[in-house]
C-alpha atoms as a PDB file:
ATOM      1  CA  VAL A   1     -77.291  75.347 -16.548  1.00  0.00           C
ATOM      2  CA  GLU A   2     -75.784  78.179 -14.489  1.00  0.00           C
ATOM      3  CA  LEU A   3     -78.465  79.329 -12.058  1.00  0.00           C
ATOM      4  CA  ASP A   4     -78.912  82.623 -10.211  1.00  0.00           C
ATOM      5  CA  PRO A   5     -81.720  84.293  -8.232  1.00  0.00           C
ATOM      6  CA  SER A   6     -83.412  85.427 -11.457  1.00  0.00           C
ATOM      7  CA  ASN A   7     -83.893  81.946 -12.949  1.00  0.00           C
ATOM      8  CA  PHE A   8     -83.585  79.547  -9.994  1.00  0.00           C
ATOM      9  CA  ALA A   9     -87.307  79.315  -9.219  1.00  0.00           C
ATOM     10  CA  ASP A  10     -88.255  79.156 -12.926  1.00  0.00           C
ATOM     11  CA  PHE A  11     -85.770  76.317 -13.452  1.00  0.00           C
ATOM     12  CA  LEU A  12     -87.359  74.287 -10.619  1.00  0.00           C
ATOM     13  CA  ASP A  13     -90.867  75.003 -11.940  1.00  0.00           C
ATOM     14  CA  LYS A  14     -89.847  73.872 -15.414  1.00  0.00           C
ATOM     15  CA  HIS A  15     -88.379  70.562 -14.217  1.00  0.00           C
ATOM     16  CA  GLU A  16     -90.370  68.238 -11.986  1.00  0.00           C
ATOM     17  CA  MET A  17     -87.060  66.649 -10.954  1.00  0.00           C
ATOM     18  CA  ALA A  18     -83.832  68.625 -10.660  1.00  0.00           C
ATOM     19  CA  PHE A  19     -80.309  67.901  -9.437  1.00  0.00           C
ATOM     20  CA  ILE A  20     -78.316  71.000  -8.494  1.00  0.00           C
ATOM     21  CA  ASP A  21     -74.677  71.519  -7.550  1.00  0.00           C
ATOM     22  CA  MET A  22     -74.149  74.423  -5.132  1.00  0.00           C
ATOM     23  CA  TYR A  23     -70.456  75.247  -5.132  1.00  0.00           C
ATOM     24  CA  ALA A  24     -67.797  77.811  -4.257  1.00  0.00           C
ATOM     25  CA  PRO A  25     -64.994  78.484  -6.796  1.00  0.00           C
ATOM     26  CA  TRP A  26     -62.299  78.498  -4.067  1.00  0.00           C
ATOM     27  CA  CYS A  27     -63.346  75.054  -2.751  1.00  0.00           C
ATOM     28  CA  ILE A  28     -60.871  72.343  -3.833  1.00  0.00           C
ATOM     29  CA  TRP A  29     -63.593  69.675  -3.755  1.00  0.00           C
ATOM     30  CA  CYS A  30     -65.792  71.806  -6.011  1.00  0.00           C
ATOM     31  CA  GLN A  31     -62.918  72.269  -8.444  1.00  0.00           C
ATOM     32  CA  ARG A  32     -62.412  68.519  -8.613  1.00  0.00           C
ATOM     33  CA  LEU A  33     -66.141  67.909  -9.078  1.00  0.00           C
ATOM     34  CA  HIS A  34     -66.559  70.488 -11.884  1.00  0.00           C
ATOM     35  CA  PRO A  35     -65.485  68.297 -14.871  1.00  0.00           C
ATOM     36  CA  THR A  36     -67.411  65.330 -13.465  1.00  0.00           C
ATOM     37  CA  TRP A  37     -70.567  67.420 -13.117  1.00  0.00           C
ATOM     38  CA  GLU A  38     -70.228  68.634 -16.722  1.00  0.00           C
ATOM     39  CA  LYS A  39     -69.903  65.036 -17.956  1.00  0.00           C
ATOM     40  CA  PHE A  40     -72.867  63.996 -15.824  1.00  0.00           C
ATOM     41  CA  ALA A  41     -74.994  66.769 -17.397  1.00  0.00           C
ATOM     42  CA  GLU A  42     -73.942  65.568 -20.847  1.00  0.00           C
ATOM     43  CA  GLU A  43     -74.891  61.998 -19.912  1.00  0.00           C
ATOM     44  CA  VAL A  44     -78.323  63.126 -18.709  1.00  0.00           C
ATOM     45  CA  HIS A  45     -78.889  65.034 -21.958  1.00  0.00           C
ATOM     46  CA  LYS A  46     -77.655  62.110 -24.083  1.00  0.00           C
ATOM     47  CA  THR A  47     -79.895  59.519 -22.385  1.00  0.00           C
ATOM     48  CA  GLY A  48     -82.895  61.856 -22.237  1.00  0.00           C
ATOM     49  CA  MET A  49     -83.446  61.566 -18.503  1.00  0.00           C
ATOM     50  CA  PRO A  50     -86.336  63.850 -17.451  1.00  0.00           C
ATOM     51  CA  ILE A  51     -84.369  65.834 -14.907  1.00  0.00           C
ATOM     52  CA  GLY A  52     -82.835  69.281 -14.864  1.00  0.00           C
ATOM     53  CA  VAL A  53     -79.143  69.585 -14.037  1.00  0.00           C
ATOM     54  CA  GLY A  54     -77.883  72.945 -12.802  1.00  0.00           C
ATOM     55  CA  LYS A  55     -75.308  74.642 -10.618  1.00  0.00           C
ATOM     56  CA  VAL A  56     -75.182  77.723  -8.392  1.00  0.00           C
ATOM     57  CA  ASN A  57     -72.108  79.804  -7.608  1.00  0.00           C
ATOM     58  CA  CYS A  58     -72.505  80.427  -3.857  1.00  0.00           C
ATOM     59  CA  VAL A  59     -69.851  83.135  -3.801  1.00  0.00           C
ATOM     60  CA  THR A  60     -71.545  85.256  -6.450  1.00  0.00           C
ATOM     61  CA  HIS A  61     -75.038  84.404  -5.205  1.00  0.00           C
ATOM     62  CA  ALA A  62     -74.407  84.062  -1.478  1.00  0.00           C
ATOM     63  CA  GLN A  63     -77.924  85.060  -0.417  1.00  0.00           C
ATOM     64  CA  LEU A  64     -79.508  82.422  -2.649  1.00  0.00           C
ATOM     65  CA  CYS A  65     -77.367  79.713  -1.059  1.00  0.00           C
ATOM     66  CA  LYS A  66     -78.102  81.077   2.399  1.00  0.00           C
ATOM     67  CA  ASP A  67     -81.830  80.903   1.655  1.00  0.00           C
ATOM     68  CA  GLN A  68     -81.351  77.286   0.559  1.00  0.00           C
ATOM     69  CA  LYS A  69     -79.441  76.553   3.801  1.00  0.00           C
ATOM     70  CA  VAL A  70     -76.278  75.395   2.085  1.00  0.00           C
ATOM     71  CA  MET A  71     -73.895  74.393   4.897  1.00  0.00           C
ATOM     72  CA  ALA A  72     -70.961  72.930   2.954  1.00  0.00           C
ATOM     73  CA  PHE A  73     -69.404  72.928  -0.493  1.00  0.00           C
ATOM     74  CA  PRO A  74     -70.163  71.224  -2.728  1.00  0.00           C
ATOM     75  CA  THR A  75     -73.801  70.560  -1.845  1.00  0.00           C
ATOM     76  CA  LEU A  76     -75.506  68.226  -4.329  1.00  0.00           C
ATOM     77  CA  ARG A  77     -79.232  68.521  -3.742  1.00  0.00           C
ATOM     78  CA  TRP A  78     -82.200  66.801  -5.395  1.00  0.00           C
ATOM     79  CA  TYR A  79     -85.380  68.802  -5.956  1.00  0.00           C
ATOM     80  CA  LYS A  80     -88.864  67.477  -6.615  1.00  0.00           C
ATOM     81  CA  ASN A  81     -91.703  69.833  -7.518  1.00  0.00           C
ATOM     82  CA  SER A  82     -89.512  72.793  -6.433  1.00  0.00           C
ATOM     83  CA  GLU A  83     -88.987  71.288  -2.978  1.00  0.00           C
ATOM     84  CA  PRO A  84     -85.583  70.056  -1.715  1.00  0.00           C
ATOM     85  CA  ILE A  85     -85.327  66.366  -0.915  1.00  0.00           C
ATOM     86  CA  PHE A  86     -83.136  65.603   2.112  1.00  0.00           C
ATOM     87  CA  PRO A  87     -80.651  64.263   2.932  1.00  0.00           C
ATOM     88  CA  ASP A  88     -78.307  65.695   0.329  1.00  0.00           C
ATOM     89  CA  TYR A  89     -76.262  63.450  -1.943  1.00  0.00           C
ATOM     90  CA  LYS A  90     -73.187  62.114  -0.077  1.00  0.00           C
ATOM     91  CA  MET A  91     -72.037  59.173  -2.185  1.00  0.00           C
ATOM     92  CA  ASP A  92     -69.231  58.863  -4.744  1.00  0.00           C
ATOM     93  CA  ARG A  93     -68.680  61.835  -7.026  1.00  0.00           C
ATOM     94  CA  THR A  94     -68.294  59.949 -10.288  1.00  0.00           C
ATOM     95  CA  VAL A  95     -70.412  60.074 -13.425  1.00  0.00           C
ATOM     96  CA  ALA A  96     -71.553  56.488 -12.891  1.00  0.00           C
ATOM     97  CA  ALA A  97     -72.530  57.093  -9.252  1.00  0.00           C
ATOM     98  CA  LEU A  98     -74.378  60.328 -10.035  1.00  0.00           C
ATOM     99  CA  THR A  99     -76.193  58.719 -12.968  1.00  0.00           C
ATOM    100  CA  GLY A 100     -77.142  55.710 -10.866  1.00  0.00           C
ATOM    101  CA  TYR A 101     -78.492  57.955  -8.128  1.00  0.00           C
ATOM    102  CA  ALA A 102     -80.637  59.902 -10.619  1.00  0.00           C
ATOM    103  CA  LYS A 103     -81.991  56.679 -12.152  1.00  0.00           C
ATOM    104  CA  ARG A 104     -82.941  55.296  -8.729  1.00  0.00           C
ATOM    105  CA  LYS A 105     -84.782  58.509  -7.905  1.00  0.00           C
ATOM    106  CA  LEU A 106     -86.686  58.318 -11.197  1.00  0.00           C
ATOM    107  CA  ASP A 107     -87.471  54.622 -10.698  1.00  0.00           C
ATOM    108  CA  MET A 108     -88.908  55.277  -7.227  1.00  0.00           C
ATOM    109  CA  GLU A 109     -91.018  58.105  -8.589  1.00  0.00           C
ATOM    110  CA  GLN A 110     -92.322  55.948 -11.441  1.00  0.00           C
ATOM    111  CA  LYS A 111     -93.192  53.103  -9.057  1.00  0.00           C
ATOM    112  CA  TYR A 112     -95.081  55.581  -6.908  1.00  0.00           C
ATOM    113  CA  LYS A 113     -97.051  56.935  -9.874  1.00  0.00           C
ATOM    114  CA  ASP A 114     -97.862  53.393 -11.075  1.00  0.00           C
ATOM    115  CA  TRP A 115     -99.075  52.475  -7.605  1.00  0.00           C
ATOM    116  CA  GLU A 116    -101.278  55.584  -7.413  1.00  0.00           C
ATOM    117  CA  THR A 117    -102.827  54.830 -10.803  1.00  0.00           C
ATOM    118  CA  LYS A 118    -103.476  51.190  -9.942  1.00  0.00           C
ATOM    119  CA  ASN A 119    -104.807  51.662  -6.398  1.00  0.00           C
ATOM    120  CA  ALA A 120    -106.586  55.002  -6.640  1.00  0.00           C
ATOM    121  CA  GLY A 121    -109.484  55.074  -4.170  1.00  0.00           C
ATOM    122  CA  ASN A 122    -108.513  51.811  -2.440  1.00  0.00           C
ATOM    123  CA  PRO A 123    -107.870  52.594   1.264  1.00  0.00           C
ATOM    124  CA  ASP A 124    -106.892  48.961   1.987  1.00  0.00           C
ATOM    125  CA  LYS A 125    -103.733  49.430  -0.049  1.00  0.00           C
ATOM    126  CA  GLU A 126    -102.683  52.640   1.688  1.00  0.00           C
ATOM    127  CA  ARG A 127    -100.245  50.940   4.060  1.00  0.00           C
ATOM    128  CA  MET A 128     -98.517  49.290   1.081  1.00  0.00           C
ATOM    129  CA  ARG A 129     -97.702  52.664  -0.493  1.00  0.00           C
ATOM    130  CA  PRO A 130     -94.153  52.539  -1.908  1.00  0.00           C
ATOM    131  CA  ASN A 131     -91.552  55.139  -0.956  1.00  0.00           C
ATOM    132  CA  ALA A 132     -91.753  58.009  -3.419  1.00  0.00           C
ATOM    133  CA  GLY A 133     -88.302  59.312  -2.589  1.00  0.00           C
ATOM    134  CA  GLY A 134     -89.672  61.977  -0.272  1.00  0.00           C
ATOM    135  CA  SER A 135     -87.623  64.181   1.995  1.00  0.00           C
ATOM    136  CA  ARG A 136     -86.345  62.769   5.265  1.00  0.00           C
ATOM    137  CA  ALA A 137     -85.734  64.989   8.274  1.00  0.00           C
ATOM    138  CA  GLU A 138     -82.046  65.755   8.684  1.00  0.00           C
ATOM    139  CA  HIS A 139     -80.537  67.139  11.850  1.00  0.00           C
ATOM    140  CA  PRO A 140     -76.893  67.945  11.164  1.00  0.00           C
ATOM    141  CA  GLY A 141     -74.819  67.753  14.293  1.00  0.00           C
ATOM    142  CA  CYS A 142     -72.362  65.574  16.137  1.00  0.00           C
ATOM    143  CA  GLN A 143     -71.654  64.114  19.543  1.00  0.00           C
ATOM    144  CA  VAL A 144     -68.143  64.200  20.972  1.00  0.00           C
ATOM    145  CA  SER A 145     -66.924  62.042  23.851  1.00  0.00           C
ATOM    146  CA  GLY A 146     -63.555  60.925  25.187  1.00  0.00           C
ATOM    147  CA  HIS A 147     -60.723  62.261  27.314  1.00  0.00           C
ATOM    148  CA  LEU A 148     -57.591  64.360  26.815  1.00  0.00           C
ATOM    149  CA  MET A 149     -54.216  64.067  28.519  1.00  0.00           C
ATOM    150  CA  VAL A 150     -53.032  67.609  29.302  1.00  0.00           C
ATOM    151  CA  ASN A 151     -50.078  69.082  31.143  1.00  0.00           C
ATOM    152  CA  ARG A 152     -50.532  71.009  34.373  1.00  0.00           C
ATOM    153  CA  VAL A 153     -50.125  74.317  32.561  1.00  0.00           C
ATOM    154  CA  PRO A 154     -52.627  76.724  30.964  1.00  0.00           C
ATOM    155  CA  GLY A 155     -53.999  75.486  27.657  1.00  0.00           C
ATOM    156  CA  ASN A 156     -57.121  75.074  25.560  1.00  0.00           C
ATOM    157  CA  PHE A 157     -59.002  72.690  23.339  1.00  0.00           C
ATOM    158  CA  HIS A 158     -61.633  73.629  20.789  1.00  0.00           C
ATOM    159  CA  ILE A 159     -64.389  71.958  18.805  1.00  0.00           C
ATOM    160  CA  GLU A 160     -64.758  72.966  15.174  1.00  0.00           C
ATOM    161  CA  ALA A 161     -66.803  71.403  12.391  1.00  0.00           C
ATOM    162  CA  LYS A 162     -64.701  69.875   9.603  1.00  0.00           C
ATOM    163  CA  SER A 163     -65.185  67.437   6.744  1.00  0.00           C
ATOM    164  CA  VAL A 164     -62.824  65.295   4.703  1.00  0.00           C
ATOM    165  CA  ASN A 165     -64.976  65.706   1.574  1.00  0.00           C
ATOM    166  CA  HIS A 166     -66.416  69.213   1.942  1.00  0.00           C
ATOM    167  CA  ASN A 167     -65.446  72.771   2.686  1.00  0.00           C
ATOM    168  CA  LEU A 168     -67.857  74.154   5.246  1.00  0.00           C
ATOM    169  CA  ASN A 169     -69.863  77.256   4.535  1.00  0.00           C
ATOM    170  CA  ALA A 170     -68.692  79.522   7.352  1.00  0.00           C
ATOM    171  CA  ALA A 171     -71.746  81.722   6.937  1.00  0.00           C
ATOM    172  CA  MET A 172     -74.062  78.827   7.915  1.00  0.00           C
ATOM    173  CA  THR A 173     -72.070  77.282  10.775  1.00  0.00           C
ATOM    174  CA  ASN A 174     -74.021  77.071  14.033  1.00  0.00           C
ATOM    175  CA  LEU A 175     -71.970  76.280  17.143  1.00  0.00           C
ATOM    176  CA  THR A 176     -74.874  75.829  19.533  1.00  0.00           C
ATOM    177  CA  HIS A 177     -73.792  73.075  21.897  1.00  0.00           C
ATOM    178  CA  ARG A 178     -74.702  71.232  25.069  1.00  0.00           C
ATOM    179  CA  VAL A 179     -72.124  70.078  27.590  1.00  0.00           C
ATOM    180  CA  ASN A 180     -73.304  66.743  28.945  1.00  0.00           C
ATOM    181  CA  HIS A 181     -70.232  66.286  31.113  1.00  0.00           C
ATOM    182  CA  LEU A 182     -66.859  67.961  31.538  1.00  0.00           C
ATOM    183  CA  SER A 183     -64.469  67.363  34.423  1.00  0.00           C
ATOM    184  CA  PHE A 184     -60.765  67.193  35.186  1.00  0.00           C
ATOM    185  CA  GLY A 185     -59.028  64.255  36.817  1.00  0.00           C
ATOM    186  CA  GLU A 186     -60.523  60.829  37.400  1.00  0.00           C
ATOM    187  CA  PRO A 187     -64.246  60.803  36.546  1.00  0.00           C
ATOM    188  CA  ILE A 188     -66.365  60.471  39.668  1.00  0.00           C
ATOM    189  CA  THR A 189     -69.844  61.326  38.341  1.00  0.00           C
ATOM    190  CA  LYS A 190     -72.023  60.102  35.458  1.00  0.00           C
ATOM    191  CA  LEU A 191     -70.161  56.816  35.233  1.00  0.00           C
ATOM    192  CA  PRO A 192     -71.351  53.734  33.328  1.00  0.00           C
ATOM    193  CA  PRO A 193     -72.843  51.008  35.542  1.00  0.00           C
ATOM    194  CA  TYR A 194     -69.798  48.748  35.336  1.00  0.00           C
ATOM    195  CA  MET A 195     -67.637  51.438  36.989  1.00  0.00           C
ATOM    196  CA  GLU A 196     -70.007  52.266  39.852  1.00  0.00           C
ATOM    197  CA  ASN A 197     -68.887  49.455  42.192  1.00  0.00           C
ATOM    198  CA  THR A 198     -65.127  49.565  41.770  1.00  0.00           C
ATOM    199  CA  PRO A 199     -63.013  49.922  44.953  1.00  0.00           C
ATOM    200  CA  PHE A 200     -62.046  53.445  43.943  1.00  0.00           C
ATOM    201  CA  MET A 201     -65.661  54.549  43.487  1.00  0.00           C
ATOM    202  CA  ARG A 202     -66.691  53.024  46.807  1.00  0.00           C
ATOM    203  CA  LYS A 203     -63.921  55.044  48.429  1.00  0.00           C
ATOM    204  CA  VAL A 204     -65.027  58.209  46.587  1.00  0.00           C
ATOM    205  CA  LYS A 205     -68.633  57.805  47.686  1.00  0.00           C
ATOM    206  CA  ARG A 206     -67.561  57.241  51.278  1.00  0.00           C
ATOM    207  CA  VAL A 207     -65.447  60.406  51.293  1.00  0.00           C
ATOM    208  CA  LEU A 208     -67.911  62.653  49.428  1.00  0.00           C
ATOM    209  CA  LYS A 209     -70.686  61.888  51.899  1.00  0.00           C
ATOM    210  CA  GLN A 210     -68.729  63.884  54.479  1.00  0.00           C
ATOM    211  CA  VAL A 211     -67.779  66.831  52.239  1.00  0.00           C
ATOM    212  CA  PRO A 212     -69.835  70.071  52.369  1.00  0.00           C
ATOM    213  CA  GLU A 213     -71.715  70.958  49.187  1.00  0.00           C
ATOM    214  CA  GLU A 214     -69.701  74.141  48.606  1.00  0.00           C
ATOM    215  CA  HIS A 215     -66.628  71.978  48.003  1.00  0.00           C
ATOM    216  CA  LYS A 216     -68.236  69.811  45.309  1.00  0.00           C
ATOM    217  CA  GLN A 217     -67.819  72.035  42.226  1.00  0.00           C
ATOM    218  CA  PHE A 218     -66.383  69.179  40.151  1.00  0.00           C
ATOM    219  CA  ASN A 219     -68.462  69.658  36.988  1.00  0.00           C
ATOM    220  CA  PRO A 220     -70.435  72.931  37.012  1.00  0.00           C
ATOM    221  CA  MET A 221     -70.895  72.865  33.211  1.00  0.00           C
ATOM    222  CA  ASP A 222     -72.761  69.558  33.132  1.00  0.00           C
ATOM    223  CA  ASP A 223     -76.110  69.585  31.296  1.00  0.00           C
ATOM    224  CA  GLN A 224     -75.726  73.255  30.324  1.00  0.00           C
ATOM    225  CA  GLU A 225     -76.830  74.468  26.881  1.00  0.00           C
ATOM    226  CA  TYR A 226     -75.003  77.270  25.088  1.00  0.00           C
ATOM    227  CA  ILE A 227     -77.274  78.540  22.318  1.00  0.00           C
ATOM    228  CA  THR A 228     -76.220  80.961  19.599  1.00  0.00           C
ATOM    229  CA  THR A 229     -79.067  82.686  17.802  1.00  0.00           C
ATOM    230  CA  ALA A 230     -77.086  84.336  14.989  1.00  0.00           C
ATOM    231  CA  PHE A 231     -74.371  83.384  12.523  1.00  0.00           C
ATOM    232  CA  HIS A 232     -70.630  84.142  12.964  1.00  0.00           C
ATOM    233  CA  GLN A 233     -70.607  83.664  16.729  1.00  0.00           C
ATOM    234  CA  ALA A 234     -69.766  80.976  19.252  1.00  0.00           C
ATOM    235  CA  TYR A 235     -69.301  80.537  22.975  1.00  0.00           C
ATOM    236  CA  HIS A 236     -65.829  80.563  24.486  1.00  0.00           C
ATOM    237  CA  HIS A 237     -65.442  79.031  27.939  1.00  0.00           C
ATOM    238  CA  TYR A 238     -62.814  80.041  30.495  1.00  0.00           C
ATOM    239  CA  ILE A 239     -62.161  77.494  33.240  1.00  0.00           C
ATOM    240  CA  LYS A 240     -60.103  77.804  36.425  1.00  0.00           C
ATOM    241  CA  VAL A 241     -59.083  74.386  37.724  1.00  0.00           C
ATOM    242  CA  VAL A 242     -58.251  74.038  41.424  1.00  0.00           C
ATOM    243  CA  SER A 243     -56.848  70.821  42.863  1.00  0.00           C
ATOM    244  CA  THR A 244     -58.675  69.837  46.044  1.00  0.00           C
ATOM    245  CA  HIS A 245     -57.413  67.384  48.656  1.00  0.00           C
ATOM    246  CA  LEU A 246     -60.207  65.762  50.637  1.00  0.00           C
ATOM    247  CA  ASN A 247     -59.088  64.125  53.884  1.00  0.00           C
ATOM    248  CA  MET A 248     -62.043  62.819  55.835  1.00  0.00           C
ATOM    249  CA  GLY A 249     -60.186  60.446  58.150  1.00  0.00           C
ATOM    250  CA  SER A 250     -58.103  60.816  61.278  1.00  0.00           C
ATOM    251  CA  SER A 251     -55.492  58.249  60.256  1.00  0.00           C
ATOM    252  CA  SER A 252     -52.343  59.051  58.323  1.00  0.00           C
ATOM    253  CA  ASP A 253     -53.092  56.581  55.499  1.00  0.00           C
ATOM    254  CA  ASP A 254     -55.086  57.353  52.365  1.00  0.00           C
ATOM    255  CA  VAL A 255     -58.096  55.172  53.124  1.00  0.00           C
ATOM    256  CA  ASN A 256     -60.323  58.234  53.511  1.00  0.00           C
ATOM    257  CA  SER A 257     -58.359  60.663  51.334  1.00  0.00           C
ATOM    258  CA  ILE A 258     -58.754  61.513  47.653  1.00  0.00           C
ATOM    259  CA  THR A 259     -57.576  64.269  45.319  1.00  0.00           C
ATOM    260  CA  VAL A 260     -60.119  65.828  42.970  1.00  0.00           C
ATOM    261  CA  TYR A 261     -60.342  68.955  40.810  1.00  0.00           C
ATOM    262  CA  GLN A 262     -62.893  71.705  41.264  1.00  0.00           C
ATOM    263  CA  MET A 263     -63.768  74.143  38.469  1.00  0.00           C
ATOM    264  CA  LEU A 264     -64.767  77.784  38.224  1.00  0.00           C
ATOM    265  CA  GLU A 265     -66.253  78.608  34.811  1.00  0.00           C
ATOM    266  CA  GLN A 266     -67.210  81.712  32.840  1.00  0.00           C
ATOM    267  CA  SER A 267     -68.596  81.780  29.289  1.00  0.00           C
ATOM    268  CA  GLN A 268     -69.081  84.537  26.743  1.00  0.00           C
ATOM    269  CA  ILE A 269     -70.070  84.871  23.094  1.00  0.00           C
ATOM    270  CA  VAL A 270     -67.273  85.719  20.651  1.00  0.00           C
ATOM    271  CA  PHE A 271     -67.982  87.126  17.181  1.00  0.00           C
ATOM    272  CA  TYR A 272     -66.158  85.935  14.042  1.00  0.00           C
ATOM    273  CA  ASP A 273     -65.465  87.329  10.614  1.00  0.00           C
ATOM    274  CA  GLU A 274     -67.726  86.004   7.883  1.00  0.00           C
ATOM    275  CA  VAL A 275     -64.926  83.991   6.264  1.00  0.00           C
ATOM    276  CA  ASN A 276     -63.929  82.212   9.502  1.00  0.00           C
ATOM    277  CA  VAL A 277     -65.597  79.053  10.775  1.00  0.00           C
ATOM    278  CA  PRO A 278     -66.688  79.527  14.434  1.00  0.00           C
ATOM    279  CA  GLU A 279     -65.403  77.143  17.094  1.00  0.00           C
ATOM    280  CA  ALA A 280     -66.406  76.267  20.638  1.00  0.00           C
ATOM    281  CA  ARG A 281     -63.259  76.973  22.653  1.00  0.00           C
ATOM    282  CA  PHE A 282     -62.490  75.722  26.164  1.00  0.00           C
ATOM    283  CA  SER A 283     -59.550  77.531  27.785  1.00  0.00           C
ATOM    284  CA  TYR A 284     -58.338  76.214  31.134  1.00  0.00           C
ATOM    285  CA  ASP A 285     -55.844  77.421  33.707  1.00  0.00           C
ATOM    286  CA  MET A 286     -54.451  75.242  36.492  1.00  0.00           C
ATOM    287  CA  SER A 287     -54.367  77.173  39.751  1.00  0.00           C
ATOM    288  CA  PRO A 288     -50.979  77.083  41.558  1.00  0.00           C
ATOM    289  CA  MET A 289     -52.853  76.919  44.861  1.00  0.00           C
ATOM    290  CA  SER A 290     -54.684  73.935  46.295  1.00  0.00           C
ATOM    291  CA  VAL A 291     -57.652  73.620  48.605  1.00  0.00           C
ATOM    292  CA  VAL A 292     -57.422  71.210  51.527  1.00  0.00           C
ATOM    293  CA  VAL A 293     -60.659  70.014  53.102  1.00  0.00           C
ATOM    294  CA  GLN A 294     -59.829  68.101  56.251  1.00  0.00           C
ATOM    295  CA  LYS A 295     -61.927  66.519  58.964  1.00  0.00           C
ATOM    296  CA  GLU A 296     -60.173  66.639  62.307  1.00  0.00           C
ATOM    297  CA  GLY A 297     -61.198  64.618  65.352  1.00  0.00           C
ATOM    298  CA  ARG A 298     -60.615  65.651  68.981  1.00  0.00           C
ATOM    299  CA  LYS A 299     -58.037  63.866  71.170  1.00  0.00           C
ATOM    300  CA  TRP A 300     -59.000  62.239  74.473  1.00  0.00           C
ATOM    301  CA  TYR A 301     -57.135  64.835  76.497  1.00  0.00           C
ATOM    302  CA  ASP A 302     -59.171  67.589  74.793  1.00  0.00           C
ATOM    303  CA  TYR A 303     -62.264  66.106  76.397  1.00  0.00           C
ATOM    304  CA  LEU A 304     -60.511  65.822  79.778  1.00  0.00           C
ATOM    305  CA  THR A 305     -59.366  69.441  79.632  1.00  0.00           C
ATOM    306  CA  SER A 306     -62.860  70.589  78.673  1.00  0.00           C
ATOM    307  CA  LEU A 307     -64.364  68.561  81.530  1.00  0.00           C
ATOM    308  CA  CYS A 308     -61.946  70.090  84.051  1.00  0.00           C
ATOM    309  CA  ALA A 309     -62.716  73.553  82.710  1.00  0.00           C
ATOM    310  CA  ILE A 310     -66.441  72.937  83.111  1.00  0.00           C
ATOM    311  CA  ILE A 311     -66.025  71.633  86.664  1.00  0.00           C
ATOM    312  CA  GLY A 312     -63.726  74.531  87.621  1.00  0.00           C
ATOM    313  CA  GLY A 313     -66.068  77.070  86.077  1.00  0.00           C
ATOM    314  CA  THR A 314     -69.045  75.564  87.855  1.00  0.00           C
ATOM    315  CA  PHE A 315     -67.210  75.572  91.232  1.00  0.00           C
ATOM    316  CA  THR A 316     -66.168  79.216  90.751  1.00  0.00           C
ATOM    317  CA  THR A 317     -69.677  80.295  89.742  1.00  0.00           C
ATOM    318  CA  LEU A 318     -71.268  78.544  92.727  1.00  0.00           C
ATOM    319  CA  GLY A 319     -68.715  80.188  95.023  1.00  0.00           C
ATOM    320  CA  LEU A 320     -69.612  83.635  93.718  1.00  0.00           C
ATOM    321  CA  ILE A 321     -73.307  82.951  94.093  1.00  0.00           C
ATOM    322  CA  ASP A 322     -72.778  81.692  97.651  1.00  0.00           C
ATOM    323  CA  ALA A 323     -70.758  84.748  98.613  1.00  0.00           C
ATOM    324  CA  THR A 324     -73.359  87.092  97.154  1.00  0.00           C
ATOM    325  CA  LEU A 325     -76.234  85.378  98.950  1.00  0.00           C
ATOM    326  CA  TYR A 326     -74.301  85.393 102.219  1.00  0.00           C
ATOM    327  CA  LYS A 327     -73.772  89.141 102.018  1.00  0.00           C
ATOM    328  CA  VAL A 328     -77.406  89.787 101.133  1.00  0.00           C
ATOM    329  CA  PHE A 329     -78.957  87.634 103.825  1.00  0.00           C
ATOM    330  CA  LYS A 330     -76.326  88.132 106.576  1.00  0.00           C
ATOM    331  CA  PRO A 331     -78.039  89.235 109.845  1.00  0.00           C
ATOM    332  CA  LYS A 332     -77.340  92.825 110.646  1.00  0.00           C
ATOM    333  CA  LYS A 333     -76.185  93.897 114.180  1.00  0.00           C
ATOM    334  CA  LEU A 334     -78.371  96.371 116.029  1.00  0.00           C
END
């Protein structure tokens, strides 16, 4: 049954159980599913399964699909008593698989009804209630971790939602994201326990203890949330990367020297056309200049020179005081 805003609610009211395909004509996966879905509907009609099978064109009826929170095409969604049952169908798209899924849903519902009839009014049996195929909370999202090898030239990397079996609905893409950690160079913060006591990390900790806080901008984006409150927008991040040489020792070796990368970051919201899928973009630029933070000790002759200067200054000052007092208190001739 082809559904639209005028008959969608009536169709769900008419059928206690319904299985609906929400598709877009331009989607290659929807085109491949179309003949299978028609055969599945014929199989349901032939076997007399008590479910309604329908489909919604999300290009023609975009608002209906937006109201149903359709995020990808095709979306195969089960409805029970006019309510969507999550998660959506994500198994094989064959007639046998679709039919098997529908039968399992009906079997679970029948077991639930049998249990209710048999144990009505018996609170002791409540904890043995079978699963009625109810909706399960679904939080679509992903977590990305890893590292990239990049050249020391300006570049960018971006995060965009994709699927090997779906075409995403650009109108429903939300690029809200949280940066747990982002840094350049060897990681020196938020390390797993097995990396905390390596010789390199012991050296890093020893050096960083002596570095002022204003020179520790290694990961300013850590634990920051970038929330978009409307569709067709995403944050773009612009990062300036500055190599920093930390030399906290007086010797010429590298025992107390490390090279790290500091970051300066700015973020702004960018708006997209409705047909484009938003992406979280990170653009970086390697600064041609470096910052050197160096701890310098004083030589022994610096102390000797300072001591001589203090002694000479003291002697001169006492001489001036003595001369002044002599002139003031010198006996005057009558």
